[in-house]
Amino acid sequence: MSEHDGQLLDATVLAELPQRLFRLSLADDTTIIAGLSTEAKRLGLPINVGMRVTVRRARLDPARGTIFGPQCSHPLDPASNPRQPS
């Protein structure tokens, strides 16, 4: 088993590939190819180049992964919500 099994990672979308696959760059500068999770497909989440996403490496192929969705700022973070008083 790999040290990355079951772990959610942060990644940046580098390129959109055919068949709704994406090339992602992880924090440790490795590159993986990932597709959308079933839930992300069902919700129709838009994924664009330059976005930060949450991904999990595939168990049997560490060069592949599954995108669970875009990252978002924490709702209680004052910098992410200009309507909330600081």
N, C-alpha and C. Protein backbone atom coordinates (compact mmCIF):
# COMPACT_ATOMS: atom_id res chain seq x y z
N MET A 1 0.82 -1.18 0.00
CA MET A 1 0.00 0.00 0.00
C MET A 1 0.87 1.25 0.00
N SER A 2 0.40 2.25 -0.68
CA SER A 2 1.13 3.51 -0.79
C SER A 2 0.78 4.40 0.40
N GLU A 3 1.66 5.36 0.68
CA GLU A 3 1.39 6.31 1.77
C GLU A 3 0.26 7.25 1.42
N HIS A 4 -0.14 7.33 0.13
CA HIS A 4 -1.17 8.26 -0.32
C HIS A 4 -2.57 7.64 -0.38
N ASP A 5 -2.70 6.35 -0.12
CA ASP A 5 -3.99 5.69 -0.23
C ASP A 5 -5.02 6.32 0.71
N GLY A 6 -6.18 6.68 0.16
CA GLY A 6 -7.27 7.19 0.97
C GLY A 6 -7.11 8.61 1.42
N GLN A 7 -6.04 9.27 1.01
CA GLN A 7 -5.75 10.61 1.47
C GLN A 7 -6.25 11.64 0.45
N LEU A 8 -6.99 12.64 0.93
CA LEU A 8 -7.42 13.73 0.07
C LEU A 8 -6.28 14.73 -0.05
N LEU A 9 -5.99 15.12 -1.28
CA LEU A 9 -4.87 16.02 -1.56
C LEU A 9 -5.37 17.28 -2.26
N ASP A 10 -4.60 18.35 -2.16
CA ASP A 10 -4.88 19.58 -2.88
C ASP A 10 -4.09 19.55 -4.18
N ALA A 11 -4.71 20.02 -5.26
CA ALA A 11 -4.04 20.04 -6.56
C ALA A 11 -4.50 21.24 -7.36
N THR A 12 -3.72 21.57 -8.38
CA THR A 12 -4.06 22.65 -9.30
C THR A 12 -4.26 22.04 -10.68
N VAL A 13 -5.32 22.44 -11.37
CA VAL A 13 -5.61 21.92 -12.71
C VAL A 13 -4.66 22.60 -13.70
N LEU A 14 -3.86 21.78 -14.39
CA LEU A 14 -2.92 22.29 -15.38
C LEU A 14 -3.51 22.31 -16.78
N ALA A 15 -4.31 21.28 -17.11
CA ALA A 15 -4.86 21.18 -18.46
C ALA A 15 -6.11 20.30 -18.45
N GLU A 16 -7.02 20.61 -19.38
CA GLU A 16 -8.18 19.75 -19.59
C GLU A 16 -7.84 18.83 -20.76
N LEU A 17 -8.05 17.54 -20.56
CA LEU A 17 -7.74 16.53 -21.56
C LEU A 17 -9.03 15.97 -22.14
N PRO A 18 -8.94 15.19 -23.23
CA PRO A 18 -10.16 14.57 -23.78
C PRO A 18 -10.82 13.64 -22.77
N GLN A 19 -12.10 13.38 -22.98
CA GLN A 19 -12.91 12.47 -22.17
C GLN A 19 -13.03 12.91 -20.72
N ARG A 20 -13.13 14.23 -20.51
CA ARG A 20 -13.33 14.82 -19.17
C ARG A 20 -12.26 14.36 -18.17
N LEU A 21 -11.02 14.29 -18.63
CA LEU A 21 -9.88 14.04 -17.75
C LEU A 21 -9.10 15.33 -17.60
N PHE A 22 -8.34 15.43 -16.52
CA PHE A 22 -7.60 16.64 -16.22
C PHE A 22 -6.19 16.29 -15.78
N ARG A 23 -5.21 17.10 -16.19
CA ARG A 23 -3.84 16.96 -15.71
C ARG A 23 -3.71 17.88 -14.50
N LEU A 24 -3.29 17.31 -13.38
CA LEU A 24 -3.20 18.06 -12.12
C LEU A 24 -1.78 18.09 -11.60
N SER A 25 -1.45 19.19 -10.93
CA SER A 25 -0.17 19.31 -10.25
C SER A 25 -0.43 19.27 -8.75
N LEU A 26 0.22 18.35 -8.05
CA LEU A 26 0.08 18.24 -6.61
C LEU A 26 1.08 19.15 -5.91
N ALA A 27 0.93 19.30 -4.61
CA ALA A 27 1.80 20.18 -3.83
C ALA A 27 3.27 19.75 -3.87
N ASP A 28 3.52 18.46 -4.03
CA ASP A 28 4.90 17.97 -4.08
C ASP A 28 5.47 17.98 -5.51
N ASP A 29 4.83 18.73 -6.41
CA ASP A 29 5.25 18.90 -7.81
C ASP A 29 5.14 17.65 -8.67
N THR A 30 4.39 16.66 -8.23
CA THR A 30 4.11 15.52 -9.10
C THR A 30 2.87 15.85 -9.93
N THR A 31 2.76 15.20 -11.08
CA THR A 31 1.64 15.41 -11.98
C THR A 31 0.84 14.12 -12.07
N ILE A 32 -0.48 14.23 -11.98
CA ILE A 32 -1.35 13.06 -12.13
C ILE A 32 -2.47 13.40 -13.11
N ILE A 33 -3.11 12.36 -13.63
CA ILE A 33 -4.28 12.49 -14.50
C ILE A 33 -5.48 12.06 -13.66
N ALA A 34 -6.53 12.87 -13.68
CA ALA A 34 -7.70 12.55 -12.85
C ALA A 34 -8.99 12.85 -13.59
N GLY A 35 -10.01 12.07 -13.25
CA GLY A 35 -11.35 12.29 -13.76
C GLY A 35 -12.25 12.72 -12.61
N LEU A 36 -13.46 13.12 -12.95
CA LEU A 36 -14.41 13.57 -11.94
C LEU A 36 -15.03 12.39 -11.21
N SER A 37 -15.32 12.58 -9.93
CA SER A 37 -16.04 11.57 -9.16
C SER A 37 -17.48 11.50 -9.67
N THR A 38 -18.17 10.44 -9.34
CA THR A 38 -19.57 10.28 -9.74
C THR A 38 -20.41 11.43 -9.22
N GLU A 39 -20.18 11.83 -7.99
CA GLU A 39 -20.95 12.93 -7.38
C GLU A 39 -20.67 14.26 -8.08
N ALA A 40 -19.41 14.52 -8.43
CA ALA A 40 -19.05 15.76 -9.13
C ALA A 40 -19.70 15.80 -10.51
N LYS A 41 -19.75 14.64 -11.20
CA LYS A 41 -20.43 14.57 -12.49
C LYS A 41 -21.92 14.83 -12.34
N ARG A 42 -22.51 14.21 -11.34
CA ARG A 42 -23.95 14.36 -11.11
C ARG A 42 -24.32 15.81 -10.83
N LEU A 43 -23.49 16.49 -10.07
CA LEU A 43 -23.76 17.88 -9.71
C LEU A 43 -23.38 18.86 -10.83
N GLY A 44 -22.64 18.38 -11.82
CA GLY A 44 -22.22 19.23 -12.92
C GLY A 44 -21.23 20.30 -12.50
N LEU A 45 -20.33 19.95 -11.58
CA LEU A 45 -19.36 20.93 -11.08
C LEU A 45 -18.41 21.35 -12.20
N PRO A 46 -18.27 22.65 -12.43
CA PRO A 46 -17.35 23.11 -13.46
C PRO A 46 -15.90 23.05 -12.96
N ILE A 47 -15.03 22.47 -13.74
CA ILE A 47 -13.61 22.40 -13.42
C ILE A 47 -12.86 23.08 -14.57
N ASN A 48 -12.07 24.09 -14.26
CA ASN A 48 -11.35 24.86 -15.27
C ASN A 48 -9.86 24.87 -14.98
N VAL A 49 -9.08 25.17 -16.01
CA VAL A 49 -7.62 25.28 -15.86
C VAL A 49 -7.31 26.38 -14.86
N GLY A 50 -6.39 26.10 -13.95
CA GLY A 50 -5.98 27.05 -12.93
C GLY A 50 -6.71 26.89 -11.60
N MET A 51 -7.79 26.12 -11.60
CA MET A 51 -8.56 25.91 -10.36
C MET A 51 -7.80 25.05 -9.37
N ARG A 52 -8.06 25.29 -8.09
CA ARG A 52 -7.56 24.41 -7.03
C ARG A 52 -8.67 23.39 -6.75
N VAL A 53 -8.33 22.11 -6.70
CA VAL A 53 -9.31 21.05 -6.49
C VAL A 53 -8.84 20.09 -5.41
N THR A 54 -9.79 19.31 -4.92
CA THR A 54 -9.50 18.24 -3.97
C THR A 54 -9.51 16.93 -4.75
N VAL A 55 -8.46 16.14 -4.58
CA VAL A 55 -8.30 14.91 -5.36
C VAL A 55 -7.83 13.78 -4.45
N ARG A 56 -8.14 12.56 -4.85
CA ARG A 56 -7.63 11.37 -4.16
C ARG A 56 -6.92 10.51 -5.20
N ARG A 57 -5.71 10.06 -4.87
CA ARG A 57 -4.98 9.17 -5.79
C ARG A 57 -5.69 7.83 -5.90
N ALA A 58 -5.57 7.22 -7.08
CA ALA A 58 -6.12 5.88 -7.29
C ALA A 58 -5.31 4.87 -6.49
N ARG A 59 -5.99 3.89 -5.98
CA ARG A 59 -5.33 2.90 -5.12
C ARG A 59 -4.31 2.06 -5.88
N LEU A 60 -4.64 1.67 -7.11
CA LEU A 60 -3.76 0.76 -7.86
C LEU A 60 -2.81 1.47 -8.82
N ASP A 61 -3.05 2.75 -9.11
CA ASP A 61 -2.20 3.50 -10.03
C ASP A 61 -1.98 4.90 -9.47
N PRO A 62 -0.84 5.16 -8.83
CA PRO A 62 -0.60 6.46 -8.20
C PRO A 62 -0.49 7.62 -9.18
N ALA A 63 -0.42 7.35 -10.49
CA ALA A 63 -0.38 8.41 -11.49
C ALA A 63 -1.78 8.85 -11.91
N ARG A 64 -2.81 8.23 -11.34
CA ARG A 64 -4.20 8.55 -11.63
C ARG A 64 -4.91 8.98 -10.36
N GLY A 65 -6.07 9.63 -10.54
CA GLY A 65 -6.81 10.06 -9.36
C GLY A 65 -8.25 10.40 -9.69
N THR A 66 -8.98 10.82 -8.66
CA THR A 66 -10.39 11.21 -8.78
C THR A 66 -10.56 12.58 -8.16
N ILE A 67 -11.18 13.49 -8.92
CA ILE A 67 -11.45 14.84 -8.45
C ILE A 67 -12.79 14.85 -7.73
N PHE A 68 -12.80 15.36 -6.51
CA PHE A 68 -14.04 15.42 -5.73
C PHE A 68 -14.72 16.77 -5.83
N GLY A 69 -14.00 17.79 -6.26
CA GLY A 69 -14.61 19.09 -6.45
C GLY A 69 -13.62 20.21 -6.23
N PRO A 70 -14.05 21.42 -6.53
CA PRO A 70 -13.17 22.57 -6.31
C PRO A 70 -13.00 22.86 -4.83
N GLN A 71 -11.86 23.43 -4.50
CA GLN A 71 -11.64 23.86 -3.11
C GLN A 71 -12.36 25.17 -2.91
N CYS A 72 -12.80 25.39 -1.71
CA CYS A 72 -13.41 26.68 -1.40
C CYS A 72 -12.85 27.15 -0.07
N SER A 73 -12.91 28.45 0.14
CA SER A 73 -12.46 29.01 1.41
C SER A 73 -13.43 28.62 2.50
N HIS A 74 -12.95 28.57 3.70
CA HIS A 74 -13.80 28.25 4.83
C HIS A 74 -14.84 29.35 5.00
N PRO A 75 -16.13 29.03 5.19
CA PRO A 75 -17.17 30.06 5.27
C PRO A 75 -17.00 31.02 6.45
N LEU A 76 -16.24 30.65 7.46
CA LEU A 76 -16.05 31.53 8.60
C LEU A 76 -14.80 32.40 8.48
N ASP A 77 -14.06 32.23 7.39
CA ASP A 77 -12.87 33.03 7.15
C ASP A 77 -13.30 34.43 6.69
N PRO A 78 -12.99 35.50 7.45
CA PRO A 78 -13.44 36.84 7.10
C PRO A 78 -12.92 37.30 5.74
N ALA A 79 -11.75 36.82 5.33
CA ALA A 79 -11.21 37.25 4.04
C ALA A 79 -12.01 36.68 2.88
N SER A 80 -12.68 35.54 3.09
CA SER A 80 -13.44 34.92 2.01
C SER A 80 -14.87 35.40 1.93
N ASN A 81 -15.35 36.10 2.95
CA ASN A 81 -16.73 36.56 2.97
C ASN A 81 -16.76 38.06 3.31
N PRO A 82 -16.81 38.92 2.26
CA PRO A 82 -16.75 40.36 2.51
C PRO A 82 -17.96 40.91 3.25
N ARG A 83 -19.06 40.19 3.33
CA ARG A 83 -20.26 40.68 4.02
C ARG A 83 -20.16 40.56 5.53
N GLN A 84 -19.33 39.61 5.99
CA GLN A 84 -19.18 39.41 7.41
C GLN A 84 -18.25 40.48 8.00
N PRO A 85 -18.60 41.08 9.12
CA PRO A 85 -17.69 42.04 9.76
C PRO A 85 -16.46 41.32 10.29
N SER A 86 -15.33 41.98 10.23
CA SER A 86 -14.06 41.37 10.70
C SER A 86 -13.95 41.47 12.20
